[in-house]
Protein backbone atom coordinates (compact mmCIF):
# COMPACT_ATOMS: atom_id res chain seq x y z
CA UNK A 1 -14.23 19.04 22.05
CA UNK A 2 -13.79 20.72 18.34
CA UNK A 3 -15.64 18.40 15.82
CA UNK A 4 -14.39 20.62 13.13
CA UNK A 5 -11.14 19.80 13.71
CA UNK A 6 -11.88 16.02 14.03
CA UNK A 7 -13.62 16.22 10.59
CA UNK A 8 -10.73 18.32 8.93
CA UNK A 9 -8.00 15.87 10.53
CA UNK A 10 -9.83 12.72 9.17
CA UNK A 11 -10.86 14.03 5.69
CA UNK A 12 -7.35 15.48 5.11
CA UNK A 13 -5.83 12.41 5.94
CA UNK A 14 -8.47 10.10 4.01
CA UNK A 15 -8.21 12.03 0.90
CA UNK A 16 -4.42 12.84 1.20
CA UNK A 17 -0.91 11.13 0.23
CA UNK A 18 -1.05 8.49 2.84
CA UNK A 19 -4.55 7.18 1.64
CA UNK A 20 -3.16 7.17 -2.11
CA UNK A 21 0.10 5.21 -0.98
CA UNK A 22 -2.07 2.47 0.53
CA UNK A 23 -4.63 2.42 -2.20
CA UNK A 24 -1.94 1.96 -4.94
CA UNK A 25 -0.41 -0.73 -2.60
CA UNK A 26 -3.99 -2.54 -2.06
CA UNK A 27 -4.71 -2.65 -5.70
CA UNK A 28 -1.59 -4.61 -6.29
CA UNK A 29 -2.77 -6.99 -3.41
CA UNK A 30 -6.26 -7.07 -4.97
CA UNK A 31 -4.61 -8.78 -8.15
CA UNK A 32 -2.72 -11.24 -6.04
CA UNK A 33 -5.16 -12.11 -3.41
CA UNK A 34 -8.48 -10.85 -4.74
CA UNK A 35 -8.22 -11.94 -8.32
CA UNK A 36 -5.85 -14.59 -8.22
CA UNK A 37 -5.44 -16.12 -4.75
CA UNK A 38 -1.95 -15.49 -4.31
CA UNK A 39 -0.98 -14.65 -0.56
CA UNK A 40 1.54 -11.82 -0.76
CA UNK A 41 2.63 -10.96 2.60
CA UNK A 42 5.53 -8.93 1.40
CA UNK A 43 4.19 -5.90 -0.77
CA UNK A 44 6.45 -3.81 1.56
CA UNK A 45 9.33 -5.28 -0.22
CA UNK A 46 8.10 -4.35 -3.62
CA UNK A 47 7.56 -0.83 -2.30
CA UNK A 48 11.05 -0.51 -1.13
CA UNK A 49 12.66 -1.87 -3.78
CA UNK A 50 10.97 0.64 -6.34
CA UNK A 51 11.80 3.71 -3.87
CA UNK A 52 15.49 2.56 -3.60
CA UNK A 53 15.57 2.19 -7.17
CA UNK A 54 14.79 5.68 -7.61
CA UNK A 55 17.05 6.68 -5.18
CA UNK A 56 20.08 4.78 -5.50
CA UNK A 57 19.88 5.52 -9.33
CA UNK A 58 19.46 9.23 -9.03
CA UNK A 59 21.64 10.06 -5.99
CA UNK A 60 24.08 7.49 -5.54
CA UNK A 61 24.94 6.74 -9.04
CA UNK A 62 24.47 10.40 -10.13
CA UNK A 63 21.91 9.47 -13.08
CA UNK A 64 19.20 11.35 -14.49
CA UNK A 65 15.80 11.33 -12.56
CA UNK A 66 13.77 9.78 -15.53
CA UNK A 67 16.23 6.84 -15.54
CA UNK A 68 15.33 6.40 -11.81
CA UNK A 69 11.83 6.17 -12.59
CA UNK A 70 12.44 3.27 -15.02
CA UNK A 71 14.52 1.69 -12.43
CA UNK A 72 11.61 1.92 -10.06
CA UNK A 73 9.50 -0.06 -12.28
CA UNK A 74 12.03 -2.55 -13.28
CA UNK A 75 13.05 -3.52 -9.75
CA UNK A 76 9.56 -5.13 -8.64
CA UNK A 77 9.30 -6.98 -12.01
CA UNK A 78 12.62 -8.63 -11.27
CA UNK A 79 11.83 -9.01 -7.55
CA UNK A 80 8.40 -10.65 -8.56
CA UNK A 81 10.51 -13.11 -10.90
CA UNK A 82 12.77 -14.00 -8.27
CA UNK A 83 10.38 -14.67 -5.67
CA UNK A 84 7.87 -16.47 -8.06
CA UNK A 85 10.00 -18.99 -9.83
CA UNK A 86 10.68 -21.03 -6.83
CA UNK A 87 7.32 -20.72 -4.97
CA UNK A 88 4.49 -20.35 -7.58
CA UNK A 89 4.34 -24.27 -8.46
CA UNK A 90 3.86 -24.87 -4.65
CA UNK A 91 1.05 -24.22 -2.11
CA UNK A 92 0.09 -20.87 -1.62
CA UNK A 93 1.29 -20.64 1.90
CA UNK A 94 4.86 -20.81 0.62
CA UNK A 95 4.63 -17.71 -1.48
CA UNK A 96 3.33 -16.15 1.37
CA UNK A 97 6.33 -17.12 3.82
CA UNK A 98 8.99 -16.22 0.99
CA UNK A 99 7.28 -12.56 0.48
CA UNK A 100 7.46 -11.57 4.17
CA UNK A 101 10.65 -13.21 4.86
CA UNK A 102 12.21 -11.52 1.72
CA UNK A 103 10.57 -8.10 2.64
CA UNK A 104 12.18 -8.04 6.08
CA UNK A 105 15.50 -9.09 4.66
CA UNK A 106 15.13 -6.15 1.87
CA UNK A 107 14.61 -3.66 4.92
CA UNK A 108 17.40 -4.87 6.92
CA UNK A 109 19.73 -4.60 4.12
CA UNK A 110 18.85 -1.25 3.09
CA UNK A 111 19.44 -0.20 6.71
CA UNK A 112 22.35 -2.19 7.64
CA UNK A 113 25.85 -0.16 8.05
CA UNK A 114 27.52 -2.55 5.73
CA UNK A 115 25.79 -1.05 2.81
CA UNK A 116 25.48 2.41 4.12
CA UNK A 117 27.40 3.68 1.23
CA UNK A 118 25.12 2.16 -1.49
CA UNK A 119 21.70 2.69 0.31
CA UNK A 120 22.40 5.30 3.04
CA UNK A 121 22.05 2.97 6.22
CA UNK A 122 19.16 4.13 8.69
CA UNK A 123 19.28 7.59 7.70
CA UNK A 124 17.96 6.56 4.05
CA UNK A 125 18.59 8.65 1.12
CA UNK A 126 17.56 12.49 -0.22
CA UNK A 127 18.12 15.05 -2.69
CA UNK A 128 16.47 13.03 -5.68
CA UNK A 129 12.85 14.81 -5.55
CA UNK A 130 13.79 18.12 -6.89
CA UNK A 131 12.79 17.41 -10.58
CA UNK A 132 9.25 16.19 -9.28
CA UNK A 133 8.77 19.15 -6.95
CA UNK A 134 9.61 21.52 -9.81
CA UNK A 135 6.75 20.29 -12.05
CA UNK A 136 4.31 21.26 -9.21
CA UNK A 137 1.87 24.03 -10.98
CA UNK A 138 0.40 25.29 -7.70
CA UNK A 139 1.13 28.38 -6.21
CA UNK A 140 -0.03 28.22 -2.84
CA UNK A 141 -2.06 25.67 -0.54
CA UNK A 142 -5.34 24.55 -0.68
CA UNK A 143 -8.02 25.58 2.47
CA UNK A 144 -11.54 24.52 2.15
CA UNK A 145 -12.25 24.96 6.12
CA UNK A 146 -12.90 20.89 6.22
CA UNK A 147 -9.94 20.01 3.96
CA UNK A 148 -6.61 21.44 4.05
CA UNK A 149 -3.22 20.60 1.80
CA UNK A 150 -0.01 22.23 1.60
CA UNK A 151 1.53 23.16 -1.81
CA UNK A 152 3.36 19.90 -1.78
CA UNK A 153 0.70 18.06 -0.58
CA UNK A 154 -1.86 19.36 -3.34
CA UNK A 155 0.49 18.46 -6.05
CA UNK A 156 0.86 14.79 -4.62
CA UNK A 157 -2.86 14.37 -4.34
CA UNK A 158 -3.33 15.42 -7.87
CA UNK A 159 -0.71 13.08 -9.03
CA UNK A 160 -1.55 10.32 -6.66
CA UNK A 161 -5.50 10.08 -7.54
CA UNK A 162 -4.58 10.26 -11.16
CA UNK A 163 -2.55 7.26 -10.73
CA UNK A 164 -5.15 5.38 -8.60
CA UNK A 165 -7.91 6.29 -11.29
CA UNK A 166 -5.61 5.34 -14.20
CA UNK A 167 -4.72 1.93 -12.23
CA UNK A 168 -8.51 1.27 -11.55
CA UNK A 169 -9.19 1.55 -15.25
CA UNK A 170 -6.69 -0.66 -15.75
CA UNK A 171 -7.62 -3.42 -13.51
CA UNK A 172 -11.21 -3.06 -14.64
CA UNK A 173 -10.20 -3.75 -18.43
CA UNK A 174 -7.97 -6.39 -17.55
CA UNK A 175 -10.39 -8.50 -15.22
CA UNK A 176 -13.12 -8.03 -17.81
CA UNK A 177 -10.73 -9.77 -20.48
CA UNK A 178 -10.24 -13.45 -21.21
CA UNK A 179 -6.86 -13.08 -19.08
CA UNK A 180 -8.86 -11.97 -16.05
CA UNK A 181 -11.32 -14.76 -16.24
CA UNK A 182 -8.64 -17.13 -16.38
CA UNK A 183 -6.86 -15.55 -13.05
CA UNK A 184 -10.58 -15.88 -11.44
CA UNK A 185 -10.60 -19.47 -12.45
CA UNK A 186 -7.31 -20.04 -11.25
CA UNK A 187 -8.40 -18.73 -7.80
CA UNK A 188 -11.36 -20.96 -7.67
CA UNK A 189 -9.45 -24.48 -8.70
CA UNK A 190 -6.19 -24.22 -10.49
CA UNK A 191 -6.52 -27.97 -11.38
CA UNK A 192 -9.47 -27.55 -13.48
CA UNK A 193 -7.90 -24.59 -15.15
CA UNK A 194 -4.69 -26.66 -15.84
CA UNK A 195 -6.93 -29.57 -17.12
CA UNK A 196 -8.18 -26.97 -19.85
CA UNK A 197 -4.50 -26.62 -21.24
CA UNK A 198 -3.79 -23.35 -19.70
CA UNK A 199 -0.39 -22.56 -18.00
CA UNK A 200 -1.39 -21.79 -14.62
CA UNK A 201 2.26 -21.03 -13.54
CA UNK A 202 2.79 -18.49 -16.51
CA UNK A 203 -0.71 -16.76 -15.43
CA UNK A 204 0.24 -16.86 -11.78
CA UNK A 205 3.67 -15.00 -12.36
CA UNK A 206 2.07 -12.62 -14.78
CA UNK A 207 -0.42 -11.69 -11.59
CA UNK A 208 2.53 -11.41 -9.30
CA UNK A 209 4.36 -9.11 -11.37
CA UNK A 210 1.46 -6.97 -12.14
CA UNK A 211 0.47 -6.69 -8.36
CA UNK A 212 4.19 -6.24 -7.77
CA UNK A 213 4.66 -3.16 -9.87
CA UNK A 214 1.23 -1.54 -8.43
CA UNK A 215 3.24 -2.15 -5.05
CA UNK A 216 6.28 -0.94 -6.73
CA UNK A 217 4.20 2.23 -7.70
CA UNK A 218 3.16 2.63 -4.36
CA UNK A 219 6.68 2.82 -3.10
CA UNK A 220 7.66 5.37 -5.92
CA UNK A 221 4.93 7.70 -4.90
CA UNK A 222 5.64 7.44 -1.21
CA UNK A 223 9.52 8.09 -1.66
CA UNK A 224 8.37 11.21 -4.14
CA UNK A 225 5.72 12.74 -1.85
CA UNK A 226 8.08 12.56 1.21
CA UNK A 227 11.31 13.31 -0.67
CA UNK A 228 13.13 10.75 1.38
CA UNK A 229 13.90 7.10 1.38
CA UNK A 230 14.17 5.51 5.08
CA UNK A 231 14.11 1.89 5.67
CA UNK A 232 11.77 2.09 8.47
CA UNK A 233 8.80 3.27 6.24
CA UNK A 234 8.71 -0.02 4.71
CA UNK A 235 8.33 -2.47 7.50
CA UNK A 236 5.79 -5.53 7.44
CA UNK A 237 3.28 -3.40 9.09
CA UNK A 238 2.72 -1.47 5.69
CA UNK A 239 1.57 -4.53 4.01
CA UNK A 240 -0.87 -5.48 6.63
CA UNK A 241 -2.38 -1.82 6.63
CA UNK A 242 -2.90 -2.40 2.99
CA UNK A 243 -4.54 -5.78 3.53
CA UNK A 244 -6.71 -3.88 6.06
CA UNK A 245 -7.67 -1.26 3.25
CA UNK A 246 -8.62 -3.98 0.91
CA UNK A 247 -10.47 -6.34 3.17
CA UNK A 248 -12.72 -2.96 4.37
CA UNK A 249 -13.66 -2.16 0.77
CA UNK A 250 -13.83 -5.81 -0.55
CA UNK A 251 -11.53 -8.14 -2.57
CA UNK A 252 -11.88 -8.63 -5.98
CA UNK A 253 -13.55 -5.39 -6.59
CA UNK A 254 -11.85 -2.67 -8.74
CA UNK A 255 -13.15 0.00 -6.05
CA UNK A 256 -12.56 -1.87 -2.92
CA UNK A 257 -8.99 -0.96 -2.37
CA UNK A 258 -9.72 2.58 -2.80
CA UNK A 259 -12.76 3.00 -0.75
CA UNK A 260 -11.23 0.86 2.18
CA UNK A 261 -8.02 2.95 1.96
CA UNK A 262 -10.12 6.14 2.27
CA UNK A 263 -12.23 4.58 5.10
CA UNK A 264 -9.15 3.22 6.98
CA UNK A 265 -7.67 6.66 7.02
CA UNK A 266 -10.40 8.58 7.68
CA UNK A 267 -11.05 6.29 10.93
CA UNK A 268 -7.16 6.36 12.07
CA UNK A 269 -6.89 10.11 11.67
CA UNK A 270 -10.55 11.13 13.02
CA UNK A 271 -10.16 8.39 15.97
CA UNK A 272 -6.64 10.11 16.69
CA UNK A 273 -7.84 13.69 16.75
CA UNK A 274 -10.62 12.63 19.11
CA UNK A 275 -8.27 10.83 21.67
CA UNK A 276 -5.83 13.81 21.03
CA UNK A 277 -8.52 16.21 22.29
CA UNK A 278 -9.61 14.01 25.26
CA UNK A 279 -6.14 13.47 26.51
CA UNK A 280 -4.59 16.89 25.76
CA UNK A 281 -3.97 20.02 27.59
CA UNK A 282 -3.21 20.68 31.64
CA UNK A 283 -6.85 19.43 32.20
CA UNK A 284 -7.77 16.49 30.11
CA UNK A 285 -11.33 15.26 29.59
CA UNK A 286 -10.40 11.73 30.26
CA UNK A 287 -8.39 10.99 33.50
CA UNK A 288 -4.72 10.01 33.76
CA UNK A 289 -5.25 6.55 34.81
CA UNK A 290 -7.61 5.58 31.83
CA UNK A 291 -5.48 7.15 29.02
CA UNK A 292 -2.64 9.42 28.65
CA UNK A 293 -1.85 11.52 25.77
CA UNK A 294 1.07 9.00 24.79
CA UNK A 295 -1.37 6.34 24.84
CA UNK A 296 -3.63 8.04 22.65
CA UNK A 297 -1.86 7.48 19.39
CA UNK A 298 -2.23 3.99 19.90
CA UNK A 299 -5.69 3.43 21.15
CA UNK A 300 -6.81 4.53 17.70
CA UNK A 301 -5.38 1.36 16.37
CA UNK A 302 -7.06 -0.69 19.03
CA UNK A 303 -10.39 0.70 18.25
CA UNK A 304 -10.07 0.43 14.43
CA UNK A 305 -8.39 -3.06 15.03
CA UNK A 306 -11.93 -4.03 16.58
CA UNK A 307 -13.78 -2.59 14.17
CA UNK A 308 -12.04 -4.88 11.74
CA UNK A 309 -12.75 -7.88 13.69
CA UNK A 310 -16.32 -7.00 13.86
CA UNK A 311 -16.46 -6.56 10.15
CA UNK A 312 -14.78 -9.96 9.58
CA UNK A 313 -17.42 -11.49 11.91
CA UNK A 314 -20.73 -10.20 10.39
CA UNK A 315 -19.29 -9.45 6.65
CA UNK A 316 -16.07 -11.02 6.20
CA UNK A 317 -16.42 -9.95 2.02
CA UNK A 318 -15.91 -6.40 3.10
CA UNK A 319 -18.27 -3.30 2.12
CA UNK A 320 -18.57 -3.88 -1.46
CA UNK A 321 -17.22 -7.55 -1.63
CA UNK A 322 -18.61 -11.16 -2.36
CA UNK A 323 -18.08 -13.73 0.34
CA UNK A 324 -16.95 -16.24 -2.34
CA UNK A 325 -14.17 -13.96 -3.60
CA UNK A 326 -12.25 -14.65 -0.33
CA UNK A 327 -12.31 -18.26 -0.77
CA UNK A 328 -8.82 -19.35 -1.55
CA UNK A 329 -7.66 -22.60 -3.13
CA UNK A 330 -4.37 -23.30 -1.39
CA UNK A 331 -3.48 -26.22 -3.32
């Protein structure tokens, strides 16, 4: 087994564009779940409307690229308002049901034949990322031996981690402010906050919009880095992978989503490389009755899932989290 290949694959994914997408999405979920106690199971929906906001504006409507960027930020705000107005005055589980259903409805609409002229159907939309790629200042790939990025990935990594750093700084500043302390109080006991004269609904809506915008930023970055928008990229599992990253790092911690995303993709890519080497070739190390090369890509998720189960049993607050931070007032 080539351990250098395993380490290279793990580090490239852990520090690469995929980890950035989930870090941005998990930062939004951290605002929702970690700081406010909102159960948003539809972060993929916020990501999809932002990505399609850019693609439809730029390609279908033939409008300027920068107007598409503006639309990709406005779309998650509108979605948060539409979802929040009827649900945020109710129990926490209503928001969870509505968000996960909405994310699936949006994915089906974007991929439907009836709206193919507007959203490109199952093939999605391409041809909008030229402006982004033309801004790339790098002339070649980066190869450090244990870390390797292509020219385009290097540009995406530079932009992406800059966005993550700025996002973490914004969250740190907000959560140290009186506004952030009110959010934490709502998570602990919203009735007590309401008795002090605070408009709980308004604070919840603001948190839902802000977290949704981070989800939209993740969707926008995903659309730019792969230069295509496809409905299948915004399935429900992207939300739960982001939650996995958040829980690994620790909820209600500024760097928790970032560290969790890095660890998650390090494990996924590293385990995938190990199992591929164990089952690849004419003379695989593992017998085919135990594992085939087709099954290898799936076993990594099983092993990662078992590790997450053990983490939830012995340290449910995550690596950096506090056990009290994951308690939700569901009233």
